[in-house]
Protein backbone atom coordinates (compact mmCIF):
# COMPACT_ATOMS: atom_id res chain seq x y z
CA MET A 1 -58.55 -0.11 77.02
CA VAL A 2 -58.40 3.55 78.04
CA GLY A 3 -57.57 2.72 81.64
CA VAL A 4 -54.97 0.08 80.72
CA PHE A 5 -52.68 2.01 78.38
CA TYR A 6 -50.25 4.66 79.54
CA GLU A 7 -51.92 8.00 78.96
CA VAL A 8 -49.66 9.28 76.15
CA ASP A 9 -49.92 5.93 74.28
CA ARG A 10 -53.71 5.59 74.32
CA GLU A 11 -54.41 7.46 71.10
CA ALA A 12 -51.75 5.51 69.19
CA ALA A 13 -53.18 2.20 70.45
CA GLN A 14 -56.65 3.20 69.31
CA ARG A 15 -55.32 4.09 65.85
CA ASN A 16 -53.53 0.75 65.55
CA ILE A 17 -56.65 -1.20 66.47
CA ALA A 18 -58.66 0.86 63.98
CA LEU A 19 -56.13 -0.04 61.26
CA CYS A 20 -56.52 -3.73 62.13
CA LEU A 21 -60.30 -3.41 61.65
CA GLU A 22 -59.72 -1.78 58.25
CA ARG A 23 -57.40 -4.60 57.15
CA ILE A 24 -59.15 -7.80 58.17
CA GLY A 25 -56.75 -10.73 58.45
CA GLN A 26 -53.55 -8.66 58.35
CA ALA A 27 -51.34 -8.77 61.45
CA LYS A 28 -49.89 -5.57 62.87
CA SER A 29 -47.34 -5.08 65.66
CA TRP A 30 -46.53 -2.07 67.83
CA GLU A 31 -44.95 -1.14 71.12
CA ALA A 32 -46.72 0.62 73.97
CA ARG A 33 -46.74 1.13 77.71
CA LYS A 34 -49.38 -0.20 80.08
CA VAL A 35 -50.24 0.54 83.68
CA ARG A 36 -50.63 -2.20 86.28
CA LYS A 37 -53.22 -1.97 89.05
CA ASP A 38 -50.49 -0.90 91.46
CA GLY A 39 -49.59 2.01 89.18
CA THR A 40 -46.29 0.66 87.84
CA VAL A 41 -45.64 1.01 84.11
CA LEU A 42 -44.47 -1.81 81.87
CA SER A 43 -43.46 -1.85 78.21
CA VAL A 44 -45.18 -4.31 75.89
CA ARG A 45 -45.05 -5.41 72.27
CA GLU A 46 -48.51 -6.22 70.92
CA THR A 47 -49.35 -8.15 67.78
CA ALA A 48 -52.95 -7.88 66.66
CA LYS A 49 -55.16 -9.13 63.86
CA ALA A 50 -58.84 -8.57 63.12
CA VAL A 51 -60.85 -11.68 62.24
CA PRO A 52 -64.37 -11.77 60.78
CA ARG A 53 -67.32 -13.05 62.79
CA ALA A 54 -71.01 -13.32 62.04
CA ASN A 55 -71.90 -10.32 64.19
CA GLY A 56 -68.85 -8.24 63.13
CA PRO A 57 -65.05 -8.50 63.23
CA ILE A 58 -63.11 -8.70 66.47
CA VAL A 59 -59.46 -7.90 67.14
CA LEU A 60 -57.29 -10.61 68.68
CA ILE A 61 -54.22 -9.25 70.51
CA ALA A 62 -51.13 -11.12 71.75
CA CYS A 63 -49.17 -9.13 74.33
CA GLU A 64 -45.46 -9.63 75.18
CA ASP A 65 -43.80 -7.98 78.18
CA ILE A 66 -40.59 -6.28 76.95
CA THR A 67 -39.95 -4.11 80.02
CA GLU A 68 -36.57 -5.67 80.82
CA HIS A 69 -35.54 -5.47 77.17
CA LYS A 70 -36.35 -1.74 77.14
CA ARG A 71 -34.44 -1.20 80.36
CA ALA A 72 -31.43 -3.00 78.88
CA GLU A 73 -31.62 -0.82 75.75
CA GLU A 74 -31.74 2.33 77.85
CA ALA A 75 -28.81 1.13 79.98
CA LEU A 76 -26.83 0.45 76.81
CA ARG A 77 -27.61 3.91 75.44
CA GLN A 78 -26.55 5.48 78.73
CA ALA A 79 -23.34 3.45 78.80
CA GLN A 80 -22.51 4.55 75.26
CA ALA A 81 -23.21 8.19 76.16
CA ASP A 82 -20.94 7.90 79.21
CA LEU A 83 -18.21 6.32 77.10
CA GLU A 84 -18.48 9.13 74.55
CA GLN A 85 -18.11 11.63 77.38
CA VAL A 86 -15.02 9.84 78.72
CA ASN A 87 -13.49 9.80 75.24
CA ARG A 88 -14.13 13.54 74.81
CA VAL A 89 -12.66 14.41 78.20
CA THR A 90 -9.63 12.17 77.58
CA THR A 91 -8.93 13.84 74.25
CA MET A 92 -9.42 17.33 75.66
CA GLY A 93 -7.09 16.47 78.54
CA GLU A 94 -4.36 15.64 76.02
CA LEU A 95 -4.90 19.06 74.41
CA THR A 96 -4.82 21.16 77.58
CA ALA A 97 -1.51 22.91 76.87
CA SER A 98 -2.41 23.56 73.25
CA LEU A 99 -5.84 24.94 74.17
CA ALA A 100 -4.33 27.19 76.85
CA HIS A 101 -2.03 28.64 74.19
CA GLU A 102 -4.98 29.12 71.82
CA VAL A 103 -6.95 31.06 74.45
CA ASN A 104 -3.91 33.08 75.57
CA GLN A 105 -3.34 34.46 72.07
CA PRO A 106 -6.46 36.69 71.89
CA ILE A 107 -6.10 37.59 75.60
CA ALA A 108 -2.50 38.77 75.04
CA ALA A 109 -3.60 40.69 71.96
CA ALA A 110 -6.38 42.35 73.97
CA VAL A 111 -3.90 43.43 76.66
CA THR A 112 -1.56 44.88 74.01
CA ASN A 113 -4.40 46.81 72.39
CA ALA A 114 -5.60 48.04 75.78
CA ASN A 115 -2.14 49.47 76.50
CA THR A 116 -2.07 51.04 73.04
CA CYS A 117 -5.47 52.61 73.66
CA LEU A 118 -4.28 54.07 76.96
CA ARG A 119 -1.20 55.58 75.31
CA TRP A 120 -3.31 57.29 72.64
CA LEU A 121 -5.63 58.68 75.32
CA ALA A 122 -2.78 59.79 77.61
CA ALA A 123 -1.02 61.83 74.94
CA ASP A 124 -0.95 65.62 75.24
CA SER A 125 -3.33 65.65 72.29
CA PRO A 126 -5.40 62.44 72.65
CA ASN A 127 -5.87 60.67 69.34
CA LEU A 128 -9.46 59.51 69.65
CA LYS A 129 -9.48 57.87 66.22
CA GLU A 130 -6.55 55.56 67.02
CA ALA A 131 -7.87 54.93 70.55
CA ARG A 132 -11.25 53.94 69.12
CA ALA A 133 -9.58 51.56 66.65
CA ALA A 134 -7.58 49.95 69.48
CA ALA A 135 -10.75 49.58 71.57
CA MET A 136 -12.49 47.86 68.64
CA ARG A 137 -9.58 45.42 68.39
CA ILE A 138 -9.97 44.69 72.11
CA VAL A 139 -13.64 43.80 71.55
CA LYS A 140 -12.68 41.56 68.61
CA ASP A 141 -9.96 39.78 70.62
CA GLY A 142 -12.25 39.35 73.64
CA THR A 143 -15.01 37.94 71.45
CA ARG A 144 -12.58 35.45 69.88
CA ALA A 145 -11.38 34.26 73.29
CA GLY A 146 -14.98 33.88 74.47
CA GLU A 147 -15.89 31.84 71.38
CA ILE A 148 -12.97 29.46 71.94
CA VAL A 149 -13.95 28.93 75.59
CA SER A 150 -17.61 28.39 74.61
CA ARG A 151 -16.66 25.72 72.07
CA ILE A 152 -14.50 23.93 74.61
CA ARG A 153 -17.25 24.04 77.25
CA LEU A 154 -19.70 22.62 74.73
CA LEU A 155 -17.42 19.66 74.09
CA PHE A 156 -17.26 18.94 77.84
CA LYS A 157 -21.02 19.25 78.21
CA LYS A 158 -22.77 16.06 79.22
CA GLY A 159 -26.37 15.59 78.22
CA THR A 160 -28.77 13.83 75.90
CA PRO A 161 -28.19 14.27 72.15
CA GLU A 162 -29.97 17.31 70.75
CA ARG A 163 -30.93 17.23 67.08
CA GLU A 164 -30.77 20.50 65.18
CA LEU A 165 -29.82 21.78 61.74
CA VAL A 166 -26.02 21.89 61.62
CA ASP A 167 -23.65 23.52 59.13
CA VAL A 168 -20.92 20.87 58.85
CA SER A 169 -18.42 23.28 57.29
CA GLU A 170 -18.89 25.58 60.28
CA VAL A 171 -18.23 22.67 62.66
CA ILE A 172 -15.02 21.95 60.73
CA ARG A 173 -13.91 25.57 61.14
CA GLU A 174 -14.65 25.41 64.88
CA MET A 175 -12.48 22.31 65.30
CA ILE A 176 -9.64 23.90 63.32
CA VAL A 177 -9.71 26.89 65.69
CA ILE A 178 -9.49 24.60 68.73
CA LEU A 179 -6.80 22.32 67.27
CA ARG A 180 -4.76 24.90 65.33
CA SER A 181 -2.10 25.27 68.03
CA GLU A 182 -1.70 21.49 68.23
CA ALA A 183 -1.05 21.39 64.47
CA MET A 184 1.42 24.30 64.67
CA ARG A 185 3.24 22.55 67.51
CA TYR A 186 4.27 19.81 65.07
CA SER A 187 4.76 22.08 62.03
CA ILE A 188 1.66 20.71 60.31
CA SER A 189 0.05 22.89 57.66
CA VAL A 190 -3.75 22.82 57.58
CA ARG A 191 -5.65 23.36 54.34
CA THR A 192 -9.41 23.37 53.87
CA GLU A 193 -11.58 23.03 50.79
CA LEU A 194 -15.10 23.65 52.05
CA ALA A 195 -18.02 23.86 49.63
CA GLU A 196 -19.97 27.08 50.13
CA ASP A 197 -23.41 25.80 49.12
CA LEU A 198 -23.62 22.66 51.23
CA PRO A 199 -27.04 21.91 52.75
CA GLN A 200 -27.29 21.54 56.51
CA VAL A 201 -27.68 18.19 58.24
CA LEU A 202 -30.01 17.28 61.08
CA GLY A 203 -27.84 16.06 63.93
CA ASP A 204 -26.25 16.60 67.31
CA ARG A 205 -23.65 19.36 67.01
CA VAL A 206 -21.51 18.18 69.93
CA GLN A 207 -21.37 14.61 68.62
CA LEU A 208 -20.34 15.80 65.15
CA GLN A 209 -17.69 18.02 66.75
CA GLN A 210 -16.43 14.97 68.61
CA VAL A 211 -16.15 12.93 65.39
CA LEU A 212 -14.21 15.65 63.57
CA MET A 213 -11.97 16.33 66.57
CA ASN A 214 -11.13 12.63 66.77
CA LEU A 215 -10.33 12.35 63.05
CA ILE A 216 -8.21 15.52 63.04
CA MET A 217 -6.32 14.47 66.18
CA ASN A 218 -5.63 11.05 64.66
CA SER A 219 -4.17 12.73 61.58
CA ILE A 220 -2.00 15.02 63.73
CA ASP A 221 -0.76 12.03 65.74
CA ALA A 222 0.06 10.18 62.51
CA MET A 223 2.29 13.05 61.32
CA LYS A 224 4.13 13.93 64.54
CA ASP A 225 7.27 11.93 63.74
CA VAL A 226 7.29 11.72 59.93
CA HIS A 227 9.95 13.42 57.81
CA GLY A 228 9.06 15.63 54.88
CA THR A 229 5.76 17.36 54.21
CA ARG A 230 3.21 17.37 57.02
CA GLU A 231 -0.10 18.45 55.60
CA LEU A 232 -3.66 18.06 56.83
CA VAL A 233 -6.40 18.58 54.25
CA ILE A 234 -10.07 18.77 55.22
CA LYS A 235 -12.74 18.90 52.55
CA SER A 236 -16.52 19.13 52.48
CA GLN A 237 -18.51 18.61 49.29
CA HIS A 238 -21.71 17.28 47.77
CA SER A 239 -22.08 13.52 47.41
CA GLU A 240 -24.62 11.15 45.90
CA ASN A 241 -28.21 10.57 47.03
CA GLU A 242 -28.61 13.93 48.79
CA HIS A 243 -25.65 13.26 51.06
CA LEU A 244 -22.61 15.39 51.77
CA LEU A 245 -19.06 14.07 52.01
CA VAL A 246 -16.34 15.14 54.44
CA SER A 247 -12.75 13.93 54.15
CA VAL A 248 -9.80 14.31 56.52
CA SER A 249 -6.49 13.47 54.80
CA ASP A 250 -2.90 13.50 56.06
CA THR A 251 0.64 12.67 55.00
CA GLY A 252 1.36 10.54 58.06
CA VAL A 253 2.31 6.93 58.63
CA GLY A 254 -0.82 5.54 57.00
CA LEU A 255 -3.10 2.76 58.18
CA PRO A 256 -1.56 -0.13 60.16
CA ALA A 257 -0.24 -2.81 57.82
CA GLN A 258 -2.35 -5.97 57.68
CA GLN A 259 -4.75 -4.44 60.23
CA ALA A 260 -6.49 -1.66 58.30
CA ASP A 261 -9.85 -3.44 58.59
CA GLN A 262 -9.57 -3.51 62.40
CA ILE A 263 -9.15 0.19 63.15
CA PHE A 264 -12.88 0.66 63.83
CA ASN A 265 -13.02 -2.28 66.24
CA ALA A 266 -13.54 -1.53 69.92
CA PHE A 267 -10.27 -1.36 71.92
CA PHE A 268 -8.04 -1.65 68.83
CA THR A 269 -5.31 1.00 68.96
CA THR A 270 -1.80 1.60 67.65
CA LYS A 271 -1.07 4.29 70.26
CA PRO A 272 0.77 3.34 73.48
CA ASP A 273 -1.72 5.34 75.57
CA GLY A 274 -4.76 5.01 73.31
CA THR A 275 -8.16 3.78 74.51
CA GLY A 276 -9.07 2.14 71.22
CA MET A 277 -12.57 3.65 71.39
CA GLY A 278 -12.26 6.90 69.43
CA LEU A 279 -12.87 5.52 65.94
CA ARG A 280 -15.44 2.99 67.17
CA ILE A 281 -17.46 5.75 68.84
CA SER A 282 -17.03 8.03 65.82
CA ARG A 283 -18.41 5.38 63.47
CA SER A 284 -21.31 4.71 65.84
CA ILE A 285 -22.15 8.44 65.92
CA VAL A 286 -21.98 8.80 62.13
CA GLU A 287 -24.16 5.71 61.60
CA SER A 288 -26.72 7.01 64.13
CA HIS A 289 -26.95 10.10 61.90
CA GLY A 290 -27.70 7.90 58.87
CA GLY A 291 -24.19 8.15 57.41
CA ARG A 292 -21.02 6.10 56.85
CA LEU A 293 -17.42 6.38 58.05
CA TRP A 294 -14.49 4.57 56.43
CA ALA A 295 -10.75 4.94 55.79
CA ALA A 296 -8.27 4.42 52.95
CA ASP A 297 -4.52 4.67 52.45
CA ASN A 298 -3.11 7.62 50.51
CA SER A 299 -0.39 7.49 47.87
CA PRO A 300 2.52 7.81 48.39
CA ARG A 301 1.86 8.00 52.14
CA GLY A 302 -0.73 8.91 54.72
CA ALA A 303 -4.39 8.07 55.16
CA SER A 304 -7.80 9.59 54.50
CA PHE A 305 -10.97 9.23 56.52
CA TYR A 306 -14.28 9.78 54.77
CA LEU A 307 -17.71 10.32 56.25
CA THR A 308 -21.05 10.88 54.59
CA LEU A 309 -24.12 12.46 56.18
CA PRO A 310 -27.65 12.82 54.80
CA ALA A 311 -28.69 16.41 54.09
CA LYS A 312 -31.70 17.59 56.10
CA VAL A 313 -32.86 14.01 56.72
CA GLU A 314 -33.87 13.06 60.27
CA ALA A 315 -31.44 10.69 61.95
CA ARG A 316 -32.47 7.15 62.82
CA GLU A 317 -33.40 6.36 66.40
């Protein structure tokens, strides 16, 4: 057996066979990789059962080749990852002007403070205290600009999902920074109610950023042309069963009449230039993190999107 199984799977295979011998008559299945004589690796699903014999039990094993199935699964995962990347880039492309304005603000402030610092130093009696204060403001403005650029670069980054402990309220604040100019462009007020003592979640930060960016952008789009109050409210709070709840609510046009149950379907969109994949991908991401994503109409107008995530619980494969 040692020479047949792929090296990293050998110990697991030995443990599974040992379990079969401990539980005579009970079937057990597992997946593993095996090595052919020519050195190629194939994936298999084995089902085994130990049966008693006069001179001691033996383990009977049925082996199924699932190599093509595994390849298809990996191709599907890669296609989904590529589609997520396209959706992110498409959304960021729509926000280019707004993001440029957001980055220009701290840069312009830094230039103003630099000129102020030079004036204090060039005076007949240099005011070092005021010059130092202006220099500190330059550092603050430069740091802010750098943080905005770093967050944007992270959203464009293409790679395999990386699970880590994530502060969801912090991710919400990051998305508000990136999308603030877009909200201001349409006179939309943004209000947050973020619980201070929320536990962290185990997840991929970039994917969760993508979900929140998509929900916030949808709310902004829904309020662009409405009359009256335009308000975006984002909340984070504790929920049941060691989950946390995030809601994104707006005073926009609401969910499409007679089609509210279709908004999470692939390629369904109410936007003339929409891809119809944003909400579908967002739900897929949330579910891969062990959570739920759904929507409801607001009264008297608008819509709310709700998502739950398990606190400090490892996401499903």
